[in-house]
Amino acid sequence: MPGYGVLLFPGNFMLVYVWHPLFTEEIDFWPKLALQLSGQFIVVVAFTALLACLIKRLLPACWP
């Protein structure tokens, strides 16, 4: 699937820069999948919250 790297970037970012330093040895598939999905969720929620706050401050008349 073209562009899957963009969709998985938040999860891969969390795996490489947050979880990998904590777990230096190789871990099994299911724990790694859980860490990637939680990292994906955390990064996307944080980015969405930041974007919502910026829109709310920049466009106060359009926000109910």
PDB file of N, CA and C in Angstrom:
ATOM      1  N   MET A   1       0.845  -1.172   0.000  1.00  0.00           N
ATOM      2  CA  MET A   1       0.000   0.000   0.000  1.00  0.00           C
ATOM      3  C   MET A   1       0.892   1.237   0.000  1.00  0.00           C
ATOM      4  N   PRO A   2       0.776   2.062  -1.012  1.00  0.00           N
ATOM      5  CA  PRO A   2       1.595   3.274  -1.038  1.00  0.00           C
ATOM      6  C   PRO A   2       1.197   4.220   0.090  1.00  0.00           C
ATOM      7  N   GLY A   3       2.182   4.798   0.715  1.00  0.00           N
ATOM      8  CA  GLY A   3       1.931   5.774   1.768  1.00  0.00           C
ATOM      9  C   GLY A   3       1.735   5.178   3.149  1.00  0.00           C
ATOM     10  N   TYR A   4       1.944   3.869   3.300  1.00  0.00           N
ATOM     11  CA  TYR A   4       1.726   3.287   4.622  1.00  0.00           C
ATOM     12  C   TYR A   4       2.764   3.792   5.625  1.00  0.00           C
ATOM     13  N   GLY A   5       3.929   4.199   5.145  1.00  0.00           N
ATOM     14  CA  GLY A   5       4.949   4.756   6.035  1.00  0.00           C
ATOM     15  C   GLY A   5       4.486   6.040   6.707  1.00  0.00           C
ATOM     16  N   VAL A   6       3.701   6.826   5.981  1.00  0.00           N
ATOM     17  CA  VAL A   6       3.161   8.063   6.548  1.00  0.00           C
ATOM     18  C   VAL A   6       2.120   7.741   7.617  1.00  0.00           C
ATOM     19  N   LEU A   7       1.284   6.748   7.341  1.00  0.00           N
ATOM     20  CA  LEU A   7       0.249   6.376   8.307  1.00  0.00           C
ATOM     21  C   LEU A   7       0.834   5.764   9.575  1.00  0.00           C
ATOM     22  N   LEU A   8       1.925   5.034   9.436  1.00  0.00           N
ATOM     23  CA  LEU A   8       2.530   4.371  10.586  1.00  0.00           C
ATOM     24  C   LEU A   8       3.643   5.173  11.237  1.00  0.00           C
ATOM     25  N   PHE A   9       3.897   6.378  10.759  1.00  0.00           N
ATOM     26  CA  PHE A   9       4.992   7.185  11.296  1.00  0.00           C
ATOM     27  C   PHE A   9       4.891   7.410  12.800  1.00  0.00           C
ATOM     28  N   PRO A  10       3.730   7.800  13.358  1.00  0.00           N
ATOM     29  CA  PRO A  10       3.688   8.026  14.805  1.00  0.00           C
ATOM     30  C   PRO A  10       4.043   6.782  15.617  1.00  0.00           C
ATOM     31  N   GLY A  11       3.531   5.629  15.225  1.00  0.00           N
ATOM     32  CA  GLY A  11       3.853   4.402  15.946  1.00  0.00           C
ATOM     33  C   GLY A  11       5.316   4.019  15.828  1.00  0.00           C
ATOM     34  N   ASN A  12       5.858   4.123  14.615  1.00  0.00           N
ATOM     35  CA  ASN A  12       7.276   3.813  14.416  1.00  0.00           C
ATOM     36  C   ASN A  12       8.170   4.795  15.161  1.00  0.00           C
ATOM     37  N   PHE A  13       7.784   6.058  15.199  1.00  0.00           N
ATOM     38  CA  PHE A  13       8.539   7.076  15.925  1.00  0.00           C
ATOM     39  C   PHE A  13       8.614   6.725  17.406  1.00  0.00           C
ATOM     40  N   MET A  14       7.472   6.336  17.983  1.00  0.00           N
ATOM     41  CA  MET A  14       7.453   5.964  19.394  1.00  0.00           C
ATOM     42  C   MET A  14       8.283   4.700  19.639  1.00  0.00           C
ATOM     43  N   LEU A  15       8.224   3.749  18.716  1.00  0.00           N
ATOM     44  CA  LEU A  15       9.017   2.532  18.887  1.00  0.00           C
ATOM     45  C   LEU A  15      10.505   2.833  18.889  1.00  0.00           C
ATOM     46  N   VAL A  16      10.951   3.666  17.965  1.00  0.00           N
ATOM     47  CA  VAL A  16      12.385   3.919  17.812  1.00  0.00           C
ATOM     48  C   VAL A  16      12.927   4.810  18.927  1.00  0.00           C
ATOM     49  N   TYR A  17      12.220   5.892  19.271  1.00  0.00           N
ATOM     50  CA  TYR A  17      12.783   6.884  20.172  1.00  0.00           C
ATOM     51  C   TYR A  17      12.300   6.796  21.614  1.00  0.00           C
ATOM     52  N   VAL A  18      11.242   6.049  21.885  1.00  0.00           N
ATOM     53  CA  VAL A  18      10.765   5.938  23.261  1.00  0.00           C
ATOM     54  C   VAL A  18      10.921   4.516  23.785  1.00  0.00           C
ATOM     55  N   TRP A  19      10.323   3.541  23.080  1.00  0.00           N
ATOM     56  CA  TRP A  19      10.308   2.183  23.603  1.00  0.00           C
ATOM     57  C   TRP A  19      11.625   1.446  23.404  1.00  0.00           C
ATOM     58  N   HIS A  20      12.319   1.676  22.292  1.00  0.00           N
ATOM     59  CA  HIS A  20      13.558   0.937  22.030  1.00  0.00           C
ATOM     60  C   HIS A  20      14.634   1.202  23.087  1.00  0.00           C
ATOM     61  N   PRO A  21      14.850   2.449  23.518  1.00  0.00           N
ATOM     62  CA  PRO A  21      15.847   2.641  24.581  1.00  0.00           C
ATOM     63  C   PRO A  21      15.471   1.941  25.893  1.00  0.00           C
ATOM     64  N   LEU A  22      14.186   1.754  26.144  1.00  0.00           N
ATOM     65  CA  LEU A  22      13.769   1.066  27.362  1.00  0.00           C
ATOM     66  C   LEU A  22      13.946  -0.446  27.245  1.00  0.00           C
ATOM     67  N   PHE A  23      13.719  -0.984  26.057  1.00  0.00           N
ATOM     68  CA  PHE A  23      13.857  -2.417  25.815  1.00  0.00           C
ATOM     69  C   PHE A  23      14.976  -2.634  24.814  1.00  0.00           C
ATOM     70  N   THR A  24      16.196  -2.827  25.303  1.00  0.00           N
ATOM     71  CA  THR A  24      17.332  -2.933  24.395  1.00  0.00           C
ATOM     72  C   THR A  24      17.387  -4.281  23.683  1.00  0.00           C
ATOM     73  N   GLU A  25      16.836  -5.330  24.290  1.00  0.00           N
ATOM     74  CA  GLU A  25      16.836  -6.627  23.618  1.00  0.00           C
ATOM     75  C   GLU A  25      15.597  -6.748  22.737  1.00  0.00           C
ATOM     76  N   GLU A  26      15.621  -7.720  21.867  1.00  0.00           N
ATOM     77  CA  GLU A  26      14.488  -7.957  20.965  1.00  0.00           C
ATOM     78  C   GLU A  26      13.307  -8.492  21.772  1.00  0.00           C
ATOM     79  N   ILE A  27      12.119  -7.961  21.496  1.00  0.00           N
ATOM     80  CA  ILE A  27      10.926  -8.430  22.193  1.00  0.00           C
ATOM     81  C   ILE A  27      10.016  -9.162  21.210  1.00  0.00           C
ATOM     82  N   ASP A  28       9.067  -9.899  21.725  1.00  0.00           N
ATOM     83  CA  ASP A  28       8.158 -10.682  20.893  1.00  0.00           C
ATOM     84  C   ASP A  28       7.219  -9.781  20.096  1.00  0.00           C
ATOM     85  N   PHE A  29       6.494 -10.417  19.166  1.00  0.00           N
ATOM     86  CA  PHE A  29       5.619  -9.673  18.253  1.00  0.00           C
ATOM     87  C   PHE A  29       4.484  -8.958  18.979  1.00  0.00           C
ATOM     88  N   TRP A  30       3.753  -9.656  19.851  1.00  0.00           N
ATOM     89  CA  TRP A  30       2.552  -9.076  20.457  1.00  0.00           C
ATOM     90  C   TRP A  30       2.865  -7.897  21.380  1.00  0.00           C
ATOM     91  N   PRO A  31       3.891  -7.958  22.225  1.00  0.00           N
ATOM     92  CA  PRO A  31       4.222  -6.757  23.002  1.00  0.00           C
ATOM     93  C   PRO A  31       4.658  -5.585  22.116  1.00  0.00           C
ATOM     94  N   LYS A  32       5.411  -5.898  21.056  1.00  0.00           N
ATOM     95  CA  LYS A  32       5.848  -4.837  20.147  1.00  0.00           C
ATOM     96  C   LYS A  32       4.655  -4.203  19.433  1.00  0.00           C
ATOM     97  N   LEU A  33       3.687  -5.037  19.023  1.00  0.00           N
ATOM     98  CA  LEU A  33       2.481  -4.520  18.381  1.00  0.00           C
ATOM     99  C   LEU A  33       1.692  -3.636  19.346  1.00  0.00           C
ATOM    100  N   ALA A  34       1.567  -4.059  20.581  1.00  0.00           N
ATOM    101  CA  ALA A  34       0.856  -3.255  21.587  1.00  0.00           C
ATOM    102  C   ALA A  34       1.559  -1.919  21.819  1.00  0.00           C
ATOM    103  N   LEU A  35       2.878  -1.926  21.886  1.00  0.00           N
ATOM    104  CA  LEU A  35       3.628  -0.687  22.070  1.00  0.00           C
ATOM    105  C   LEU A  35       3.477   0.240  20.870  1.00  0.00           C
ATOM    106  N   GLN A  36       3.508  -0.329  19.661  1.00  0.00           N
ATOM    107  CA  GLN A  36       3.369   0.497  18.469  1.00  0.00           C
ATOM    108  C   GLN A  36       1.974   1.113  18.397  1.00  0.00           C
ATOM    109  N   LEU A  37       0.948   0.335  18.661  1.00  0.00           N
ATOM    110  CA  LEU A  37      -0.419   0.854  18.596  1.00  0.00           C
ATOM    111  C   LEU A  37      -0.676   1.898  19.676  1.00  0.00           C
ATOM    112  N   SER A  38      -0.139   1.666  20.879  1.00  0.00           N
ATOM    113  CA  SER A  38      -0.316   2.682  21.929  1.00  0.00           C
ATOM    114  C   SER A  38       0.448   3.948  21.578  1.00  0.00           C
ATOM    115  N   GLY A  39       1.644   3.799  21.010  1.00  0.00           N
ATOM    116  CA  GLY A  39       2.407   4.972  20.583  1.00  0.00           C
ATOM    117  C   GLY A  39       1.696   5.718  19.476  1.00  0.00           C
ATOM    118  N   GLN A  40       1.119   4.981  18.547  1.00  0.00           N
ATOM    119  CA  GLN A  40       0.362   5.599  17.458  1.00  0.00           C
ATOM    120  C   GLN A  40      -0.806   6.401  18.035  1.00  0.00           C
ATOM    121  N   PHE A  41      -1.526   5.808  18.967  1.00  0.00           N
ATOM    122  CA  PHE A  41      -2.678   6.466  19.574  1.00  0.00           C
ATOM    123  C   PHE A  41      -2.261   7.722  20.344  1.00  0.00           C
ATOM    124  N   ILE A  42      -1.197   7.621  21.143  1.00  0.00           N
ATOM    125  CA  ILE A  42      -0.744   8.754  21.958  1.00  0.00           C
ATOM    126  C   ILE A  42      -0.305   9.920  21.083  1.00  0.00           C
ATOM    127  N   VAL A  43       0.489   9.652  20.058  1.00  0.00           N
ATOM    128  CA  VAL A  43       0.991  10.728  19.197  1.00  0.00           C
ATOM    129  C   VAL A  43      -0.150  11.373  18.407  1.00  0.00           C
ATOM    130  N   VAL A  44      -1.055  10.586  17.873  1.00  0.00           N
ATOM    131  CA  VAL A  44      -2.152  11.141  17.081  1.00  0.00           C
ATOM    132  C   VAL A  44      -3.099  11.952  17.958  1.00  0.00           C
ATOM    133  N   VAL A  45      -3.401  11.476  19.166  1.00  0.00           N
ATOM    134  CA  VAL A  45      -4.273  12.224  20.074  1.00  0.00           C
ATOM    135  C   VAL A  45      -3.611  13.536  20.495  1.00  0.00           C
ATOM    136  N   ALA A  46      -2.323  13.496  20.807  1.00  0.00           N
ATOM    137  CA  ALA A  46      -1.618  14.720  21.197  1.00  0.00           C
ATOM    138  C   ALA A  46      -1.581  15.731  20.049  1.00  0.00           C
ATOM    139  N   PHE A  47      -1.318  15.262  18.832  1.00  0.00           N
ATOM    140  CA  PHE A  47      -1.282  16.159  17.677  1.00  0.00           C
ATOM    141  C   PHE A  47      -2.656  16.763  17.405  1.00  0.00           C
ATOM    142  N   THR A  48      -3.703  15.943  17.514  1.00  0.00           N
ATOM    143  CA  THR A  48      -5.065  16.429  17.286  1.00  0.00           C
ATOM    144  C   THR A  48      -5.470  17.451  18.346  1.00  0.00           C
ATOM    145  N   ALA A  49      -5.117  17.205  19.603  1.00  0.00           N
ATOM    146  CA  ALA A  49      -5.430  18.154  20.673  1.00  0.00           C
ATOM    147  C   ALA A  49      -4.694  19.473  20.459  1.00  0.00           C
ATOM    148  N   LEU A  50      -3.437  19.408  20.054  1.00  0.00           N
ATOM    149  CA  LEU A  50      -2.674  20.620  19.776  1.00  0.00           C
ATOM    150  C   LEU A  50      -3.279  21.394  18.616  1.00  0.00           C
ATOM    151  N   LEU A  51      -3.656  20.685  17.573  1.00  0.00           N
ATOM    152  CA  LEU A  51      -4.273  21.327  16.420  1.00  0.00           C
ATOM    153  C   LEU A  51      -5.613  21.970  16.792  1.00  0.00           C
ATOM    154  N   ALA A  52      -6.414  21.296  17.603  1.00  0.00           N
ATOM    155  CA  ALA A  52      -7.697  21.846  18.038  1.00  0.00           C
ATOM    156  C   ALA A  52      -7.494  23.108  18.877  1.00  0.00           C
ATOM    157  N   CYS A  53      -6.488  23.111  19.751  1.00  0.00           N
ATOM    158  CA  CYS A  53      -6.210  24.306  20.559  1.00  0.00           C
ATOM    159  C   CYS A  53      -5.757  25.469  19.682  1.00  0.00           C
ATOM    160  N   LEU A  54      -4.924  25.183  18.699  1.00  0.00           N
ATOM    161  CA  LEU A  54      -4.472  26.247  17.796  1.00  0.00           C
ATOM    162  C   LEU A  54      -5.633  26.828  16.996  1.00  0.00           C
ATOM    163  N   ILE A  55      -6.500  25.979  16.487  1.00  0.00           N
ATOM    164  CA  ILE A  55      -7.651  26.462  15.724  1.00  0.00           C
ATOM    165  C   ILE A  55      -8.579  27.268  16.621  1.00  0.00           C
ATOM    166  N   LYS A  56      -8.756  26.818  17.845  1.00  0.00           N
ATOM    167  CA  LYS A  56      -9.630  27.519  18.781  1.00  0.00           C
ATOM    168  C   LYS A  56      -9.097  28.921  19.086  1.00  0.00           C
ATOM    169  N   ARG A  57      -7.774  29.059  19.203  1.00  0.00           N
ATOM    170  CA  ARG A  57      -7.184  30.372  19.487  1.00  0.00           C
ATOM    171  C   ARG A  57      -7.137  31.274  18.266  1.00  0.00           C
ATOM    172  N   LEU A  58      -6.886  30.691  17.097  1.00  0.00           N
ATOM    173  CA  LEU A  58      -6.766  31.497  15.891  1.00  0.00           C
ATOM    174  C   LEU A  58      -8.105  31.900  15.298  1.00  0.00           C
ATOM    175  N   LEU A  59      -9.119  31.049  15.452  1.00  0.00           N
ATOM    176  CA  LEU A  59     -10.422  31.320  14.881  1.00  0.00           C
ATOM    177  C   LEU A  59     -11.516  31.242  15.963  1.00  0.00           C
ATOM    178  N   PRO A  60     -11.513  32.162  16.908  1.00  0.00           N
ATOM    179  CA  PRO A  60     -12.480  32.053  18.016  1.00  0.00           C
ATOM    180  C   PRO A  60     -13.929  32.250  17.555  1.00  0.00           C
ATOM    181  N   ALA A  61     -14.173  33.013  16.504  1.00  0.00           N
ATOM    182  CA  ALA A  61     -15.548  33.258  16.066  1.00  0.00           C
ATOM    183  C   ALA A  61     -16.158  32.019  15.412  1.00  0.00           C
ATOM    184  N   CYS A  62     -15.345  31.157  14.851  1.00  0.00           N
ATOM    185  CA  CYS A  62     -15.856  29.959  14.178  1.00  0.00           C
ATOM    186  C   CYS A  62     -16.039  28.787  15.128  1.00  0.00           C
ATOM    187  N   TRP A  63     -15.514  28.886  16.330  1.00  0.00           N
ATOM    188  CA  TRP A  63     -15.606  27.783  17.301  1.00  0.00           C
ATOM    189  C   TRP A  63     -16.832  27.965  18.184  1.00  0.00           C
ATOM    190  N   PRO A  64     -17.688  26.966  18.261  1.00  0.00           N
ATOM    191  CA  PRO A  64     -18.911  27.143  19.076  1.00  0.00           C
ATOM    192  C   PRO A  64     -18.627  27.160  20.560  1.00  0.00           C
TER     193      PRO A  64
END
